[in-house]
Amino acid sequence: VTHSIPACIGSMTINSKQLDDESPVSIFAVNKCYVTVQDGTFFDGSGFAALVREGYKVRSDVNITLEFRTTAVHGVLLGVSSAKVDAIGLEIVHGKVLLHVNNGAGRITATYEPRGTNNLCDGKWHKLQANKSKHRISLIIDGNLVQTDNPYIQSTSADTNNPIYVGGYPADVKQNCLTSKSSFRGCLRNLVLTKGQHAELFDFSKAFDLRGVFPHSCPGAEH
């Protein structure tokens, strides 16, 4: 077994002596247990999860779906970049969701702005779908579609080769399609990236780098 157990452990005794779990000598990627818990991965607003160490190749088409829950109005959701300009990025900025794509010719952005009393940062679960199909991009939030025109119709492939960063990214990593540096605070679940017929559900406990991210359990409500 190479990864940790997604569980709560308490009242551990060794040779009838109870271990003090309140003041450990050292601690790594261990969070408190929640009284009420939901499925999902908790991001505490300080870090990120890094997936696909060898690099994810977006190329011409990708469909990203996820669910998020937050009370913060800013936060990186996902970014995949390259050493050049090619990249994709998903982020929350001022309570709006932005999808940025650069196929090499220039960045284009689809923006979802909640209308009226609809608030995406209300601590409730929201469904997001972001689609890139050659030069076309679209964003669907809770069933509401946003599309945007792309003047660069000849440029169709985002030639990325870097890891997928979720919820933030390290300070020394370049992200060509993210404007925010704020790490996401809240919960994410059901992250699926689909290319053609191949759909991949990402398990955050299998990430090769996790900072401030706690897989498999989400506090029932923000405190």
C-alpha atoms as a PDB file:
ATOM      1  CA  VAL A   1       0.000   0.000   0.000  1.00  0.00           C
ATOM      2  CA  THR A   2       1.580   3.257  -1.104  1.00  0.00           C
ATOM      3  CA  HIS A   3      -1.008   5.861  -0.127  1.00  0.00           C
ATOM      4  CA  SER A   4      -2.719   6.801   3.099  1.00  0.00           C
ATOM      5  CA  ILE A   5      -6.062   5.647   4.395  1.00  0.00           C
ATOM      6  CA  PRO A   6      -8.938   8.107   3.854  1.00  0.00           C
ATOM      7  CA  ALA A   7     -10.388   7.802   7.344  1.00  0.00           C
ATOM      8  CA  CYS A   8     -10.584   9.210  10.843  1.00  0.00           C
ATOM      9  CA  ILE A   9      -8.569   7.493  13.564  1.00  0.00           C
ATOM     10  CA  GLY A  10      -8.974   8.282  17.252  1.00  0.00           C
ATOM     11  CA  SER A  11      -8.359   6.962  20.764  1.00  0.00           C
ATOM     12  CA  MET A  12      -5.313   4.914  19.816  1.00  0.00           C
ATOM     13  CA  THR A  13      -3.526   3.106  22.628  1.00  0.00           C
ATOM     14  CA  ILE A  14      -0.205   1.257  22.600  1.00  0.00           C
ATOM     15  CA  ASN A  15       0.466  -1.069  25.585  1.00  0.00           C
ATOM     16  CA  SER A  16      -2.607   0.453  27.269  1.00  0.00           C
ATOM     17  CA  LYS A  17      -1.105   3.948  27.037  1.00  0.00           C
ATOM     18  CA  GLN A  18      -3.235   6.430  25.079  1.00  0.00           C
ATOM     19  CA  LEU A  19      -1.365   8.353  22.395  1.00  0.00           C
ATOM     20  CA  ASP A  20      -1.632  12.124  22.459  1.00  0.00           C
ATOM     21  CA  ASP A  21      -2.867  13.028  18.982  1.00  0.00           C
ATOM     22  CA  GLU A  22      -3.349  16.703  19.899  1.00  0.00           C
ATOM     23  CA  SER A  23       0.368  17.558  19.926  1.00  0.00           C
ATOM     24  CA  PRO A  24       2.222  15.253  17.503  1.00  0.00           C
ATOM     25  CA  VAL A  25       5.991  15.424  17.068  1.00  0.00           C
ATOM     26  CA  SER A  26       5.474  15.790  13.321  1.00  0.00           C
ATOM     27  CA  ILE A  27       2.448  15.866  11.018  1.00  0.00           C
ATOM     28  CA  PHE A  28       1.980  15.566   7.259  1.00  0.00           C
ATOM     29  CA  ALA A  29      -1.289  15.829   5.282  1.00  0.00           C
ATOM     30  CA  VAL A  30      -3.462  15.043   8.291  1.00  0.00           C
ATOM     31  CA  ASN A  31      -6.525  17.134   8.957  1.00  0.00           C
ATOM     32  CA  LYS A  32      -9.055  17.154  11.751  1.00  0.00           C
ATOM     33  CA  CYS A  33     -12.093  14.893  11.619  1.00  0.00           C
ATOM     34  CA  TYR A  34     -15.404  16.557  10.877  1.00  0.00           C
ATOM     35  CA  VAL A  35     -18.610  16.060  12.837  1.00  0.00           C
ATOM     36  CA  THR A  36     -20.573  16.068   9.581  1.00  0.00           C
ATOM     37  CA  VAL A  37     -18.783  14.970   6.447  1.00  0.00           C
ATOM     38  CA  GLN A  38     -19.523  14.887   2.716  1.00  0.00           C
ATOM     39  CA  ASP A  39     -17.853  13.150  -0.192  1.00  0.00           C
ATOM     40  CA  GLY A  40     -15.295  15.393  -1.831  1.00  0.00           C
ATOM     41  CA  THR A  41     -11.793  16.722  -1.343  1.00  0.00           C
ATOM     42  CA  PHE A  42     -11.167  19.664   0.974  1.00  0.00           C
ATOM     43  CA  PHE A  43      -8.792  22.446  -0.149  1.00  0.00           C
ATOM     44  CA  ASP A  44      -7.824  24.679   2.775  1.00  0.00           C
ATOM     45  CA  GLY A  45      -6.855  27.674   0.609  1.00  0.00           C
ATOM     46  CA  SER A  46      -3.095  27.325   1.026  1.00  0.00           C
ATOM     47  CA  GLY A  47      -2.008  24.864  -1.634  1.00  0.00           C
ATOM     48  CA  PHE A  48      -2.857  22.625  -4.571  1.00  0.00           C
ATOM     49  CA  ALA A  49      -2.995  19.084  -5.910  1.00  0.00           C
ATOM     50  CA  ALA A  50      -0.667  18.055  -8.749  1.00  0.00           C
ATOM     51  CA  LEU A  51      -1.773  15.226 -11.035  1.00  0.00           C
ATOM     52  CA  VAL A  52      -0.136  13.462 -14.008  1.00  0.00           C
ATOM     53  CA  ARG A  53       3.554  13.942 -13.224  1.00  0.00           C
ATOM     54  CA  GLU A  54       4.623  13.090 -16.777  1.00  0.00           C
ATOM     55  CA  GLY A  55       2.446  15.893 -18.208  1.00  0.00           C
ATOM     56  CA  TYR A  56      -1.092  16.065 -19.578  1.00  0.00           C
ATOM     57  CA  LYS A  57      -1.537  16.652 -23.311  1.00  0.00           C
ATOM     58  CA  VAL A  58      -4.697  18.654 -23.988  1.00  0.00           C
ATOM     59  CA  ARG A  59      -4.149  18.959 -27.759  1.00  0.00           C
ATOM     60  CA  SER A  60      -7.294  19.587 -29.832  1.00  0.00           C
ATOM     61  CA  ASP A  61     -10.145  18.399 -27.597  1.00  0.00           C
ATOM     62  CA  VAL A  62     -10.866  18.049 -23.900  1.00  0.00           C
ATOM     63  CA  ASN A  63     -14.009  18.086 -21.764  1.00  0.00           C
ATOM     64  CA  ILE A  64     -13.600  18.856 -18.053  1.00  0.00           C
ATOM     65  CA  THR A  65     -16.366  18.242 -15.533  1.00  0.00           C
ATOM     66  CA  LEU A  66     -16.263  18.823 -11.790  1.00  0.00           C
ATOM     67  CA  GLU A  67     -18.371  19.939  -8.859  1.00  0.00           C
ATOM     68  CA  PHE A  68     -17.236  22.677  -6.486  1.00  0.00           C
ATOM     69  CA  ARG A  69     -18.392  24.236  -3.251  1.00  0.00           C
ATOM     70  CA  THR A  70     -16.894  27.419  -1.854  1.00  0.00           C
ATOM     71  CA  THR A  71     -17.609  30.628   0.033  1.00  0.00           C
ATOM     72  CA  ALA A  72     -14.534  32.408  -1.417  1.00  0.00           C
ATOM     73  CA  VAL A  73     -14.968  34.687  -4.449  1.00  0.00           C
ATOM     74  CA  HIS A  74     -11.469  33.985  -5.818  1.00  0.00           C
ATOM     75  CA  GLY A  75      -9.638  30.740  -6.451  1.00  0.00           C
ATOM     76  CA  VAL A  76      -7.826  28.639  -9.027  1.00  0.00           C
ATOM     77  CA  LEU A  77      -9.797  25.558 -10.069  1.00  0.00           C
ATOM     78  CA  LEU A  78      -7.508  23.923 -12.637  1.00  0.00           C
ATOM     79  CA  GLY A  79      -4.589  24.720 -14.900  1.00  0.00           C
ATOM     80  CA  VAL A  80      -2.557  22.831 -17.496  1.00  0.00           C
ATOM     81  CA  SER A  81       0.228  24.748 -19.177  1.00  0.00           C
ATOM     82  CA  SER A  82       3.267  24.328 -21.381  1.00  0.00           C
ATOM     83  CA  ALA A  83       6.691  25.920 -21.502  1.00  0.00           C
ATOM     84  CA  LYS A  84       5.411  28.088 -24.371  1.00  0.00           C
ATOM     85  CA  VAL A  85       2.043  29.894 -24.417  1.00  0.00           C
ATOM     86  CA  ASP A  86      -0.250  26.901 -24.996  1.00  0.00           C
ATOM     87  CA  ALA A  87      -2.427  26.281 -21.929  1.00  0.00           C
ATOM     88  CA  ILE A  88      -5.901  25.943 -20.457  1.00  0.00           C
ATOM     89  CA  GLY A  89      -7.117  27.400 -17.158  1.00  0.00           C
ATOM     90  CA  LEU A  90     -10.257  27.411 -15.006  1.00  0.00           C
ATOM     91  CA  GLU A  91     -10.650  29.897 -12.177  1.00  0.00           C
ATOM     92  CA  ILE A  92     -13.097  31.827 -10.016  1.00  0.00           C
ATOM     93  CA  VAL A  93     -12.495  35.585 -10.106  1.00  0.00           C
ATOM     94  CA  HIS A  94     -14.857  38.021  -8.326  1.00  0.00           C
ATOM     95  CA  GLY A  95     -17.466  35.274  -8.094  1.00  0.00           C
ATOM     96  CA  LYS A  96     -17.404  34.567 -11.860  1.00  0.00           C
ATOM     97  CA  VAL A  97     -16.073  31.380 -13.461  1.00  0.00           C
ATOM     98  CA  LEU A  98     -13.530  31.893 -16.259  1.00  0.00           C
ATOM     99  CA  LEU A  99     -12.288  29.346 -18.787  1.00  0.00           C
ATOM    100  CA  HIS A 100      -9.145  30.450 -20.623  1.00  0.00           C
ATOM    101  CA  VAL A 101      -7.626  28.607 -23.575  1.00  0.00           C
ATOM    102  CA  ASN A 102      -4.538  29.419 -25.630  1.00  0.00           C
ATOM    103  CA  ASN A 103      -3.892  27.188 -28.652  1.00  0.00           C
ATOM    104  CA  GLY A 104      -0.720  29.141 -29.416  1.00  0.00           C
ATOM    105  CA  ALA A 105      -2.178  32.142 -31.273  1.00  0.00           C
ATOM    106  CA  GLY A 106      -3.651  34.005 -28.286  1.00  0.00           C
ATOM    107  CA  ARG A 107      -5.718  33.574 -25.157  1.00  0.00           C
ATOM    108  CA  ILE A 108      -9.503  33.454 -25.377  1.00  0.00           C
ATOM    109  CA  THR A 109     -11.857  33.447 -22.408  1.00  0.00           C
ATOM    110  CA  ALA A 110     -15.386  32.245 -21.731  1.00  0.00           C
ATOM    111  CA  THR A 111     -16.876  33.941 -18.650  1.00  0.00           C
ATOM    112  CA  TYR A 112     -19.856  32.743 -16.649  1.00  0.00           C
ATOM    113  CA  GLU A 113     -21.365  35.544 -14.573  1.00  0.00           C
ATOM    114  CA  PRO A 114     -24.175  34.559 -12.190  1.00  0.00           C
ATOM    115  CA  ARG A 115     -27.387  36.509 -12.741  1.00  0.00           C
ATOM    116  CA  GLY A 116     -29.600  38.063 -10.081  1.00  0.00           C
ATOM    117  CA  THR A 117     -29.495  36.260  -6.762  1.00  0.00           C
ATOM    118  CA  ASN A 118     -27.598  33.266  -8.156  1.00  0.00           C
ATOM    119  CA  ASN A 119     -24.330  33.090  -6.255  1.00  0.00           C
ATOM    120  CA  LEU A 120     -21.658  30.532  -7.056  1.00  0.00           C
ATOM    121  CA  CYS A 121     -19.809  31.214  -3.806  1.00  0.00           C
ATOM    122  CA  ASP A 122     -22.697  30.315  -1.483  1.00  0.00           C
ATOM    123  CA  GLY A 123     -21.162  27.167   0.030  1.00  0.00           C
ATOM    124  CA  LYS A 124     -23.456  24.932  -2.044  1.00  0.00           C
ATOM    125  CA  TRP A 125     -22.428  22.403  -4.690  1.00  0.00           C
ATOM    126  CA  HIS A 126     -22.293  23.658  -8.290  1.00  0.00           C
ATOM    127  CA  LYS A 127     -21.708  21.619 -11.450  1.00  0.00           C
ATOM    128  CA  LEU A 128     -19.169  22.856 -13.967  1.00  0.00           C
ATOM    129  CA  GLN A 129     -18.405  21.621 -17.462  1.00  0.00           C
ATOM    130  CA  ALA A 130     -15.659  23.199 -19.572  1.00  0.00           C
ATOM    131  CA  ASN A 131     -15.197  22.116 -23.164  1.00  0.00           C
ATOM    132  CA  LYS A 132     -12.496  22.794 -25.719  1.00  0.00           C
ATOM    133  CA  SER A 133     -13.139  21.425 -29.198  1.00  0.00           C
ATOM    134  CA  LYS A 134     -10.400  22.583 -31.567  1.00  0.00           C
ATOM    135  CA  HIS A 135     -10.772  26.409 -31.596  1.00  0.00           C
ATOM    136  CA  ARG A 136     -14.208  26.444 -29.904  1.00  0.00           C
ATOM    137  CA  ILE A 137     -14.647  26.744 -26.141  1.00  0.00           C
ATOM    138  CA  SER A 138     -17.708  26.635 -23.907  1.00  0.00           C
ATOM    139  CA  LEU A 139     -18.583  26.651 -20.234  1.00  0.00           C
ATOM    140  CA  ILE A 140     -21.696  25.172 -18.632  1.00  0.00           C
ATOM    141  CA  ILE A 141     -22.432  26.028 -14.982  1.00  0.00           C
ATOM    142  CA  ASP A 142     -25.469  24.404 -13.360  1.00  0.00           C
ATOM    143  CA  GLY A 143     -26.889  23.815 -16.849  1.00  0.00           C
ATOM    144  CA  ASN A 144     -26.302  27.392 -18.112  1.00  0.00           C
ATOM    145  CA  LEU A 145     -24.203  27.594 -21.290  1.00  0.00           C
ATOM    146  CA  VAL A 146     -21.658  30.301 -22.175  1.00  0.00           C
ATOM    147  CA  GLN A 147     -19.783  30.306 -25.474  1.00  0.00           C
ATOM    148  CA  THR A 148     -17.290  32.744 -26.868  1.00  0.00           C
ATOM    149  CA  ASP A 149     -16.021  33.611 -30.335  1.00  0.00           C
ATOM    150  CA  ASN A 150     -12.442  32.706 -31.176  1.00  0.00           C
ATOM    151  CA  PRO A 151     -10.783  34.827 -33.859  1.00  0.00           C
ATOM    152  CA  TYR A 152      -7.881  32.349 -34.105  1.00  0.00           C
ATOM    153  CA  ILE A 153      -9.710  29.619 -36.016  1.00  0.00           C
ATOM    154  CA  GLN A 154      -6.566  28.200 -37.654  1.00  0.00           C
ATOM    155  CA  SER A 155      -5.019  27.425 -34.260  1.00  0.00           C
ATOM    156  CA  THR A 156      -6.704  24.331 -32.814  1.00  0.00           C
ATOM    157  CA  SER A 157      -4.276  22.444 -30.545  1.00  0.00           C
ATOM    158  CA  ALA A 158      -3.144  23.343 -27.001  1.00  0.00           C
ATOM    159  CA  ASP A 159       0.206  21.535 -26.918  1.00  0.00           C
ATOM    160  CA  THR A 160       0.545  21.219 -23.156  1.00  0.00           C
ATOM    161  CA  ASN A 161       3.011  18.903 -21.455  1.00  0.00           C
ATOM    162  CA  ASN A 162       2.898  19.940 -17.798  1.00  0.00           C
ATOM    163  CA  PRO A 163       1.022  18.350 -14.865  1.00  0.00           C
ATOM    164  CA  ILE A 164      -2.591  19.179 -14.102  1.00  0.00           C
ATOM    165  CA  TYR A 165      -2.627  21.578 -11.150  1.00  0.00           C
ATOM    166  CA  VAL A 166      -5.902  21.690  -9.233  1.00  0.00           C
ATOM    167  CA  GLY A 167      -6.873  24.302  -6.624  1.00  0.00           C
ATOM    168  CA  GLY A 168      -3.674  26.308  -7.075  1.00  0.00           C
ATOM    169  CA  TYR A 169      -0.097  25.858  -8.249  1.00  0.00           C
ATOM    170  CA  PRO A 170       3.455  26.290  -6.913  1.00  0.00           C
ATOM    171  CA  ALA A 171       5.002  29.757  -6.979  1.00  0.00           C
ATOM    172  CA  ASP A 172       7.760  28.647  -9.358  1.00  0.00           C
ATOM    173  CA  VAL A 173       5.386  27.109 -11.914  1.00  0.00           C
ATOM    174  CA  LYS A 174       4.228  29.177 -14.892  1.00  0.00           C
ATOM    175  CA  GLN A 175       0.521  29.063 -15.783  1.00  0.00           C
ATOM    176  CA  ASN A 176      -0.200  30.842 -19.048  1.00  0.00           C
ATOM    177  CA  CYS A 177      -3.989  30.626 -18.775  1.00  0.00           C
ATOM    178  CA  LEU A 178      -4.583  31.634 -15.147  1.00  0.00           C
ATOM    179  CA  THR A 179      -4.806  35.229 -13.944  1.00  0.00           C
ATOM    180  CA  SER A 180      -5.304  34.412 -10.250  1.00  0.00           C
ATOM    181  CA  LYS A 181      -2.665  33.225  -7.822  1.00  0.00           C
ATOM    182  CA  SER A 182      -5.250  32.566  -5.080  1.00  0.00           C
ATOM    183  CA  SER A 183      -5.495  28.949  -4.004  1.00  0.00           C
ATOM    184  CA  PHE A 184      -9.016  27.534  -3.928  1.00  0.00           C
ATOM    185  CA  ARG A 185     -10.671  27.188  -0.521  1.00  0.00           C
ATOM    186  CA  GLY A 186     -13.581  24.792  -0.425  1.00  0.00           C
ATOM    187  CA  CYS A 187     -14.435  21.353  -1.740  1.00  0.00           C
ATOM    188  CA  LEU A 188     -14.121  19.675  -5.125  1.00  0.00           C
ATOM    189  CA  ARG A 189     -15.445  16.329  -6.281  1.00  0.00           C
ATOM    190  CA  ASN A 190     -15.968  14.216  -9.405  1.00  0.00           C
ATOM    191  CA  LEU A 191     -13.149  15.712 -11.491  1.00  0.00           C
ATOM    192  CA  VAL A 192     -13.308  13.978 -14.885  1.00  0.00           C
ATOM    193  CA  LEU A 193     -11.287  14.820 -18.006  1.00  0.00           C
ATOM    194  CA  THR A 194     -12.631  13.266 -21.212  1.00  0.00           C
ATOM    195  CA  LYS A 195     -10.867  13.006 -24.557  1.00  0.00           C
ATOM    196  CA  GLY A 196     -12.948  11.321 -27.255  1.00  0.00           C
ATOM    197  CA  GLN A 197     -14.317   8.108 -25.734  1.00  0.00           C
ATOM    198  CA  HIS A 198     -11.747   8.044 -22.914  1.00  0.00           C
ATOM    199  CA  ALA A 199     -13.009   9.506 -19.606  1.00  0.00           C
ATOM    200  CA  GLU A 200     -10.655   9.658 -16.613  1.00  0.00           C
ATOM    201  CA  LEU A 201     -11.890  10.238 -13.056  1.00  0.00           C
ATOM    202  CA  PHE A 202      -9.072  11.700 -10.953  1.00  0.00           C
ATOM    203  CA  ASP A 203      -8.575  10.486  -7.382  1.00  0.00           C
ATOM    204  CA  PHE A 204      -6.855  13.236  -5.384  1.00  0.00           C
ATOM    205  CA  SER A 205      -5.321  10.711  -2.997  1.00  0.00           C
ATOM    206  CA  LYS A 206      -3.211   9.514  -5.953  1.00  0.00           C
ATOM    207  CA  ALA A 207      -1.801  13.011  -6.643  1.00  0.00           C
ATOM    208  CA  PHE A 208       2.013  13.136  -6.757  1.00  0.00           C
ATOM    209  CA  ASP A 209       2.025  16.390  -4.777  1.00  0.00           C
ATOM    210  CA  LEU A 210      -0.640  17.492  -2.282  1.00  0.00           C
ATOM    211  CA  ARG A 211      -0.341  20.663  -0.209  1.00  0.00           C
ATOM    212  CA  GLY A 212      -3.197  21.864   1.955  1.00  0.00           C
ATOM    213  CA  VAL A 213      -5.476  19.305   0.296  1.00  0.00           C
ATOM    214  CA  PHE A 214      -7.336  16.554   2.143  1.00  0.00           C
ATOM    215  CA  PRO A 215      -8.790  13.814  -0.094  1.00  0.00           C
ATOM    216  CA  HIS A 216     -12.073  11.961   0.418  1.00  0.00           C
ATOM    217  CA  SER A 217     -13.642  14.123   3.102  1.00  0.00           C
ATOM    218  CA  CYS A 218     -15.225  17.520   3.149  1.00  0.00           C
ATOM    219  CA  PRO A 219     -16.575  19.316   6.198  1.00  0.00           C
ATOM    220  CA  GLY A 220     -20.389  19.281   6.062  1.00  0.00           C
ATOM    221  CA  ALA A 221     -20.472  23.077   6.244  1.00  0.00           C
ATOM    222  CA  GLU A 222     -17.866  25.832   6.190  1.00  0.00           C
ATOM    223  CA  HIS A 223     -16.755  27.001   9.638  1.00  0.00           C
END
